[in-house]
Amino acid sequence: MQITVTISDGIVYEAQKQGLAIVDYVESLIDKGRREAAAPPDLDTAIERIRALSSSVHAARK
């Protein structure tokens, strides 16, 4: 499959800084995102999100 995307100058700069072809750098970003999405969420982060949601619910009730 082929997809055409417009990327920012910052991504081009980062790819060049790391000595990577832009396509390779973008593919690495996509792969990283897929791995992070598939990984189980960090328990501390989940607890922090629950606390934040709970606080906002309590604040809305006042």
Protein backbone atom coordinates (compact mmCIF):
# COMPACT_ATOMS: atom_id res chain seq x y z
CA MET A 1 0.00 0.00 0.00
CA GLN A 2 1.17 3.49 -0.68
CA ILE A 3 0.05 6.61 1.16
CA THR A 4 0.98 10.20 0.44
CA VAL A 5 1.38 12.52 3.41
CA THR A 6 2.58 16.05 3.97
CA ILE A 7 5.17 16.27 6.72
CA SER A 8 6.47 19.24 8.63
CA ASP A 9 9.90 20.76 8.28
CA GLY A 10 10.57 19.59 11.84
CA ILE A 11 10.21 15.95 10.80
CA VAL A 12 12.51 16.53 7.84
CA TYR A 13 15.04 18.17 10.16
CA GLU A 14 14.89 15.29 12.68
CA ALA A 15 15.34 12.70 9.94
CA GLN A 16 18.37 14.54 8.56
CA LYS A 17 19.79 15.04 12.06
CA GLN A 18 19.61 11.29 12.65
CA GLY A 19 21.05 10.53 9.22
CA LEU A 20 17.92 8.74 8.07
CA ALA A 21 15.97 8.95 4.86
CA ILE A 22 12.71 10.79 5.49
CA VAL A 23 10.65 7.73 4.54
CA ASP A 24 12.62 5.54 6.97
CA TYR A 25 12.20 8.08 9.77
CA VAL A 26 8.45 8.42 9.22
CA GLU A 27 8.08 4.64 9.09
CA SER A 28 9.95 4.40 12.41
CA LEU A 29 7.54 6.92 13.94
CA ILE A 30 4.58 4.88 12.72
CA ASP A 31 6.09 1.66 14.05
CA LYS A 32 6.78 3.30 17.42
CA GLY A 33 3.19 4.51 17.61
CA ARG A 34 1.87 1.04 16.82
CA ARG A 35 4.03 -0.55 19.53
CA GLU A 36 2.95 2.01 22.10
CA ALA A 37 -0.70 1.59 21.18
CA ALA A 38 -0.44 -2.19 21.52
CA ALA A 39 1.41 -2.08 24.85
CA PRO A 40 -0.64 -2.39 28.00
CA PRO A 41 -1.12 1.01 29.62
CA ASP A 42 1.09 1.91 32.53
CA LEU A 43 -0.82 1.39 35.79
CA ASP A 44 0.38 4.68 37.27
CA THR A 45 -0.84 6.56 34.22
CA ALA A 46 -4.21 4.82 34.41
CA ILE A 47 -4.58 5.70 38.07
CA GLU A 48 -3.68 9.32 37.35
CA ARG A 49 -6.32 9.45 34.61
CA ILE A 50 -8.95 7.98 36.93
CA ARG A 51 -8.11 10.54 39.61
CA ALA A 52 -8.31 13.39 37.09
CA LEU A 53 -11.67 12.18 35.81
CA SER A 54 -12.95 11.74 39.33
CA SER A 55 -11.86 15.27 40.24
CA SER A 56 -13.59 16.75 37.21
CA VAL A 57 -16.81 14.85 37.98
CA HIS A 58 -16.77 16.07 41.59
CA ALA A 59 -16.09 19.64 40.45
CA ALA A 60 -18.97 19.50 37.96
CA ARG A 61 -21.38 18.38 40.68
CA LYS A 62 -20.68 21.44 42.85
